[in-house]
Protein backbone atom coordinates (compact mmCIF):
# COMPACT_ATOMS: atom_id res chain seq x y z
CA MET A 1 28.47 -10.28 12.07
CA LYS A 2 26.86 -12.17 9.19
CA ILE A 3 23.90 -10.34 7.64
CA THR A 4 21.79 -11.63 4.77
CA ILE A 5 19.52 -9.29 2.81
CA LEU A 6 16.79 -10.98 0.79
CA ASP A 7 14.36 -9.53 -1.76
CA LYS A 8 16.79 -6.76 -2.68
CA ILE A 9 15.05 -6.15 -5.99
CA SER A 10 11.83 -5.37 -4.13
CA PHE A 11 13.23 -2.11 -2.77
CA THR A 12 16.01 -1.10 -5.17
CA ASN A 13 16.88 -1.53 -8.82
CA GLY A 14 20.37 -0.21 -8.18
CA ASP A 15 19.29 3.37 -7.58
CA LEU A 16 19.75 3.49 -3.79
CA ASN A 17 22.75 3.98 -1.51
CA LEU A 18 23.12 0.81 0.58
CA SER A 19 26.32 1.77 2.38
CA CYS A 20 24.42 1.96 5.69
CA PHE A 21 23.95 -1.81 5.48
CA ASP A 22 27.53 -2.53 4.49
CA ALA A 23 28.77 -0.65 7.56
CA LEU A 24 26.94 -3.06 9.89
CA GLY A 25 28.78 -6.31 9.16
CA ASP A 26 29.45 -8.96 6.55
CA VAL A 27 26.52 -8.43 4.20
CA THR A 28 25.32 -10.73 1.41
CA TYR A 29 22.58 -9.60 -0.95
CA TYR A 30 20.05 -11.73 -2.81
CA ASP A 31 17.15 -10.88 -5.06
CA ILE A 32 14.02 -13.06 -5.06
CA LEU A 33 14.94 -16.64 -4.21
CA PRO A 34 12.89 -19.80 -4.73
CA LYS A 35 11.67 -21.17 -1.42
CA ASN A 36 14.03 -24.16 -1.60
CA GLU A 37 17.05 -21.84 -1.89
CA VAL A 38 16.21 -19.53 1.01
CA VAL A 39 17.49 -21.92 3.68
CA ASN A 40 20.98 -22.15 2.23
CA ALA A 41 21.11 -18.38 1.85
CA VAL A 42 20.19 -17.56 5.45
CA LYS A 43 20.99 -20.62 7.60
CA ASP A 44 24.30 -19.22 8.91
CA SER A 45 23.11 -15.64 9.43
CA GLU A 46 22.32 -14.02 12.76
CA ILE A 47 20.56 -11.14 11.01
CA VAL A 48 18.21 -11.42 8.04
CA ILE A 49 16.54 -8.53 6.27
CA CYS A 50 13.62 -9.25 3.95
CA ASN A 51 10.45 -7.86 2.46
CA LYS A 52 8.12 -10.65 1.35
CA THR A 53 10.08 -13.86 1.97
CA VAL A 54 7.93 -16.09 4.19
CA PHE A 55 9.55 -17.00 7.51
CA ASP A 56 7.25 -19.72 8.79
CA LYS A 57 7.92 -22.30 11.49
CA GLU A 58 9.57 -24.66 9.01
CA LEU A 59 12.09 -22.10 7.81
CA ILE A 60 12.75 -20.65 11.26
CA ASP A 61 13.56 -24.13 12.60
CA LYS A 62 16.23 -24.51 9.91
CA CYS A 63 17.95 -21.24 10.81
CA SER A 64 19.74 -22.14 14.02
CA ASN A 65 21.83 -18.95 14.14
CA LEU A 66 18.99 -16.55 13.38
CA LYS A 67 18.38 -13.92 16.07
CA PHE A 68 16.93 -10.94 14.18
CA ILE A 69 14.53 -10.49 11.24
CA GLY A 70 14.34 -6.96 9.89
CA LEU A 71 11.51 -6.09 7.50
CA THR A 72 11.85 -3.51 4.76
CA ALA A 73 8.14 -2.80 5.22
CA THR A 74 5.51 -1.93 7.79
CA GLY A 75 3.57 -5.16 7.30
CA TYR A 76 4.91 -8.37 8.86
CA ASN A 77 2.31 -10.98 7.96
CA ASN A 78 4.99 -12.95 6.09
CA VAL A 79 6.69 -13.80 9.41
CA ASP A 80 5.35 -16.13 12.08
CA THR A 81 6.08 -13.56 14.74
CA ALA A 82 4.73 -15.64 17.64
CA TYR A 83 6.93 -18.61 16.81
CA ALA A 84 9.90 -16.35 16.21
CA LYS A 85 9.42 -14.96 19.71
CA GLN A 86 9.34 -18.49 21.14
CA LYS A 87 12.68 -19.09 19.46
CA GLY A 88 14.15 -15.88 20.85
CA ILE A 89 14.18 -14.14 17.45
CA ILE A 90 13.43 -10.42 17.38
CA VAL A 91 11.28 -9.17 14.48
CA CYS A 92 11.32 -5.47 13.62
CA ASN A 93 9.43 -3.49 11.00
CA VAL A 94 9.55 0.07 9.68
CA PRO A 95 6.43 1.95 10.76
CA ASN A 96 5.15 5.17 9.24
CA TYR A 97 7.88 5.56 6.62
CA SER A 98 5.49 6.14 3.71
CA THR A 99 2.68 8.23 5.18
CA SER A 100 3.05 11.27 2.92
CA ASN A 101 3.94 9.10 -0.07
CA VAL A 102 0.79 6.97 0.06
CA ALA A 103 -1.36 10.05 0.65
CA GLN A 104 0.25 11.63 -2.41
CA HIS A 105 -0.64 8.57 -4.47
CA VAL A 106 -4.25 8.65 -3.30
CA PHE A 107 -4.59 12.16 -4.63
CA ALA A 108 -2.76 11.27 -7.82
CA PHE A 109 -5.61 8.78 -8.32
CA ILE A 110 -8.32 11.27 -7.38
CA LEU A 111 -6.95 14.03 -9.60
CA ASN A 112 -6.46 11.59 -12.44
CA TYR A 113 -10.17 10.88 -12.24
CA THR A 114 -11.41 14.44 -11.83
CA ASN A 115 -9.07 16.37 -14.15
CA LYS A 116 -8.64 13.83 -16.97
CA VAL A 117 -5.09 15.01 -17.67
CA SER A 118 -4.14 11.82 -19.53
CA GLU A 119 -7.25 11.88 -21.71
CA TYR A 120 -6.90 15.54 -22.65
CA ASN A 121 -3.18 15.17 -23.32
CA GLU A 122 -3.97 12.30 -25.68
CA GLY A 123 -6.62 14.38 -27.40
CA VAL A 124 -4.20 17.27 -27.92
CA LYS A 125 -1.64 14.87 -29.38
CA GLN A 126 -4.33 13.65 -31.79
CA GLY A 127 -4.82 17.24 -33.00
CA LEU A 128 -8.17 17.98 -31.35
CA TRP A 129 -7.04 21.35 -29.94
CA LYS A 130 -5.82 22.42 -33.36
CA GLN A 131 -9.26 21.60 -34.71
CA SER A 132 -11.13 23.43 -31.93
CA LYS A 133 -13.44 26.28 -33.00
CA THR A 134 -12.72 28.13 -29.76
CA PHE A 135 -9.79 28.61 -27.39
CA CYS A 136 -10.50 25.31 -25.59
CA TYR A 137 -12.62 22.22 -25.77
CA PHE A 138 -14.14 20.20 -22.95
CA ASN A 139 -15.77 17.16 -24.43
CA ILE A 140 -14.65 14.99 -21.49
CA PRO A 141 -16.51 15.93 -18.27
CA LEU A 142 -14.38 17.36 -15.46
CA THR A 143 -15.19 17.23 -11.75
CA GLU A 144 -14.69 19.83 -9.03
CA LEU A 145 -13.35 18.41 -5.77
CA ALA A 146 -14.57 21.24 -3.53
CA GLY A 147 -17.76 20.13 -1.82
CA LYS A 148 -17.33 16.46 -2.67
CA THR A 149 -17.21 13.92 0.17
CA LEU A 150 -14.18 11.72 0.80
CA GLY A 151 -14.81 8.62 2.90
CA VAL A 152 -11.67 7.52 4.74
CA VAL A 153 -11.59 3.97 6.07
CA GLY A 154 -8.97 3.74 8.80
CA TYR A 155 -7.71 6.79 10.66
CA GLY A 156 -4.10 5.89 11.27
CA ASN A 157 -1.23 8.06 10.11
CA ILE A 158 -2.03 7.68 6.41
CA GLY A 159 -5.75 8.20 6.93
CA LYS A 160 -4.99 11.38 8.87
CA GLU A 161 -2.71 12.70 6.12
CA VAL A 162 -5.23 11.94 3.39
CA SER A 163 -7.96 13.68 5.39
CA LYS A 164 -5.77 16.75 5.84
CA ILE A 165 -5.09 17.00 2.10
CA ALA A 166 -8.80 16.56 1.36
CA THR A 167 -9.53 19.50 3.64
CA ALA A 168 -7.07 21.62 1.65
CA PHE A 169 -9.16 20.83 -1.45
CA ASN A 170 -12.29 21.95 0.46
CA MET A 171 -13.70 18.45 0.44
CA ASN A 172 -15.96 17.09 3.14
CA VAL A 173 -14.40 14.20 5.07
CA LEU A 174 -16.16 11.26 6.70
CA VAL A 175 -14.17 8.69 8.68
CA TYR A 176 -14.88 5.10 9.57
CA ASN A 177 -12.48 3.71 12.17
CA ARG A 178 -12.71 0.52 14.18
CA THR A 179 -12.27 2.43 17.45
CA LYS A 180 -13.39 5.91 18.42
CA LYS A 181 -10.68 8.57 18.10
CA GLU A 182 -10.45 12.28 18.61
CA MET A 183 -10.55 13.89 15.17
CA PRO A 184 -11.81 17.04 13.47
CA TYR A 185 -14.07 15.04 11.14
CA PRO A 186 -17.37 13.22 11.58
CA GLN A 187 -16.76 9.60 12.58
CA VAL A 188 -19.55 7.54 11.09
CA ASP A 189 -20.57 3.92 10.74
CA LYS A 190 -19.59 1.90 7.70
CA GLU A 191 -22.97 2.10 6.00
CA THR A 192 -23.17 5.88 6.30
CA LEU A 193 -19.69 6.32 4.87
CA LEU A 194 -20.48 4.07 1.90
CA ARG A 195 -23.79 5.78 1.13
CA GLU A 196 -22.62 9.38 1.40
CA SER A 197 -19.09 9.37 -0.04
CA ASP A 198 -18.15 10.39 -3.56
CA PHE A 199 -14.68 8.91 -3.15
CA ILE A 200 -13.81 6.10 -0.74
CA THR A 201 -10.18 5.42 0.16
CA LEU A 202 -9.06 2.39 2.18
CA HIS A 203 -6.32 2.69 4.83
CA CYS A 204 -6.93 -0.26 7.13
CA ALA A 205 -4.72 -3.24 7.88
CA LEU A 206 -5.65 -6.63 6.44
CA ASN A 207 -6.80 -9.03 9.14
CA ASP A 208 -9.71 -11.34 9.89
CA ASP A 209 -11.97 -8.35 10.60
CA THR A 210 -11.13 -6.40 7.45
CA LYS A 211 -10.85 -9.19 4.86
CA HIS A 212 -13.41 -8.36 2.15
CA PHE A 213 -14.40 -5.21 4.06
CA ILE A 214 -15.68 -4.09 0.67
CA ASP A 215 -17.97 -6.91 -0.46
CA ALA A 216 -21.02 -7.17 -2.71
CA LYS A 217 -23.33 -5.68 -0.06
CA SER A 218 -20.96 -2.76 0.51
CA LEU A 219 -20.69 -1.97 -3.19
CA LEU A 220 -24.48 -1.83 -3.55
CA LEU A 221 -24.63 0.79 -0.80
CA MET A 222 -22.26 3.12 -2.67
CA LYS A 223 -23.30 5.84 -5.10
CA LYS A 224 -23.30 4.82 -8.74
CA SER A 225 -20.97 7.78 -9.29
CA ALA A 226 -18.60 6.71 -6.50
CA VAL A 227 -14.89 6.04 -6.96
CA LEU A 228 -13.18 3.36 -4.83
CA ILE A 229 -9.45 3.67 -4.04
CA ASN A 230 -7.29 0.98 -2.47
CA THR A 231 -3.68 1.60 -1.45
CA ALA A 232 -3.92 -0.65 1.62
CA ARG A 233 -3.99 -4.41 0.96
CA GLY A 234 -5.75 -6.20 -1.87
CA GLY A 235 -7.64 -8.61 0.36
CA VAL A 236 -9.65 -5.77 1.87
CA ILE A 237 -11.76 -5.92 -1.29
CA ASP A 238 -13.68 -8.92 -2.62
CA GLU A 239 -12.37 -8.67 -6.16
CA ASP A 240 -15.09 -10.85 -7.68
CA ALA A 241 -17.75 -8.62 -6.15
CA LEU A 242 -15.91 -5.52 -7.37
CA LYS A 243 -15.75 -6.92 -10.90
CA ASN A 244 -19.52 -7.45 -10.92
CA ALA A 245 -20.18 -3.98 -9.49
CA LEU A 246 -18.01 -2.31 -12.13
CA ILE A 247 -19.56 -4.27 -14.98
CA ASN A 248 -23.08 -3.54 -13.72
CA GLY A 249 -22.39 0.17 -13.16
CA ASP A 250 -23.00 -0.06 -9.41
CA ILE A 251 -19.97 2.25 -8.93
CA ALA A 252 -18.16 4.41 -11.46
CA HIS A 253 -14.49 3.52 -11.15
CA ALA A 254 -11.87 1.77 -9.02
CA TYR A 255 -8.25 2.81 -8.56
CA LEU A 256 -6.13 -0.04 -7.24
CA ASP A 257 -2.48 -0.02 -6.20
CA VAL A 258 -2.78 -3.44 -4.54
CA LEU A 259 -4.31 -6.82 -5.36
CA THR A 260 -5.09 -9.93 -3.35
CA VAL A 261 -2.36 -11.82 -5.24
CA GLU A 262 0.76 -9.95 -6.32
CA PRO A 263 2.22 -9.63 -8.83
CA MET A 264 -0.95 -9.55 -10.92
CA GLN A 265 -1.84 -13.02 -12.17
CA ASN A 266 -2.97 -13.91 -15.69
CA ASN A 267 -6.41 -14.76 -14.35
CA CYS A 268 -6.93 -11.49 -12.46
CA VAL A 269 -10.69 -10.93 -12.66
CA LEU A 270 -10.34 -7.13 -12.81
CA TYR A 271 -7.83 -6.98 -15.65
CA GLY A 272 -9.24 -5.52 -18.86
CA LEU A 273 -12.13 -3.59 -17.33
CA ASN A 274 -12.33 -0.04 -18.69
CA ASN A 275 -13.35 1.45 -15.36
CA VAL A 276 -10.40 0.15 -13.34
CA THR A 277 -7.05 1.95 -13.15
CA PHE A 278 -4.07 0.01 -11.78
CA THR A 279 -0.66 0.91 -10.47
CA PRO A 280 1.71 -1.95 -9.50
CA HIS A 281 1.93 -1.47 -5.70
CA ILE A 282 4.00 1.71 -6.05
CA ALA A 283 2.31 4.11 -3.62
CA TRP A 284 5.38 3.72 -1.38
CA ALA A 285 7.98 3.56 -4.15
CA GLN A 286 9.20 7.13 -4.56
CA THR A 287 13.00 7.18 -4.55
CA GLU A 288 13.16 9.25 -1.38
CA CYS A 289 10.79 6.89 0.39
CA ARG A 290 12.71 3.76 -0.55
CA GLN A 291 15.99 5.34 0.58
CA ARG A 292 14.31 6.20 3.87
CA VAL A 293 13.25 2.56 4.29
CA VAL A 294 16.85 1.41 3.82
CA GLU A 295 18.16 3.85 6.40
CA LEU A 296 15.42 3.06 8.93
CA VAL A 297 16.02 -0.69 8.60
CA ALA A 298 19.74 -0.07 9.13
CA LYS A 299 18.86 1.85 12.30
CA ASN A 300 16.78 -1.11 13.49
CA VAL A 301 19.73 -3.43 12.92
CA HIS A 302 22.15 -1.03 14.62
CA ALA A 303 19.85 -0.78 17.65
CA TYR A 304 19.68 -4.58 17.86
CA ILE A 305 23.47 -4.89 17.69
CA ASN A 306 23.72 -2.35 20.52
CA GLY A 307 21.32 -4.39 22.64
CA THR A 308 18.49 -1.84 22.49
CA PRO A 309 16.13 -3.07 19.75
CA ILE A 310 13.48 -0.71 18.42
CA ASN A 311 10.30 -1.16 16.36
CA VAL A 312 9.89 -4.71 17.67
CA VAL A 313 6.62 -6.28 16.51
CA ASN A 314 6.79 -9.53 18.49
């Protein structure tokens, strides 16, 4: 069976074991291809695995043998799933593979802000501890997490995990979720969460309802000491509004693992601001997590070959 894997570089730089793919059929690997080269790469394949390559109506129509699209991700907005279904093409994703990993990254952000490890390490390297008149120095303010309020937007698997970790730090948790759910935390409206939270972390999908969920009005409701964290999708935040809020001191800091346009563009409006910390969409990128993605995608393909597809999104 002919299998084409696109966007290989988006999930491995050569550090993963891909033998689970090779055992499934005749596999050809490609890194990022220009749009005009994708057709030739996939047109004879029954199975295609990709991450961000766009499978729109135009491309799907040119792939007469295509029967299965496997995503090395949870999101599938790069595939016209409705049209694929019309054409008898099964689309499968990998749900919930990175729950603990993204939650870990959220708290890497939070602890980076509260404990100032990087700043103090730099100070020590500059000789400030050697010059100290006492056993320590604390010229950079530190923040205690216990008693602070974490606002969690979206109470799916990642939101639940983040909330659980916050509880272990003795933080108060407020949750905003589109639908009512059973949970051990107060479920509040958007405005209450924005007003009362010291840290706000976004864990909602990007769709018509959540685009620019954090806009200029939202930012003005937040505490001036608040920290905004986004490991969801960049479009959930109006980046122009966030830039203005950060410049004006309407909030204290933003930690962003995602942007509206990725990779970061030269004209990114947030680049260069002192009160923004970026990571390049790596909340999911721990080695163990990426290996898990590979193995789960292979399971999706194996299930399809056996006639019992799983994790079908269309």
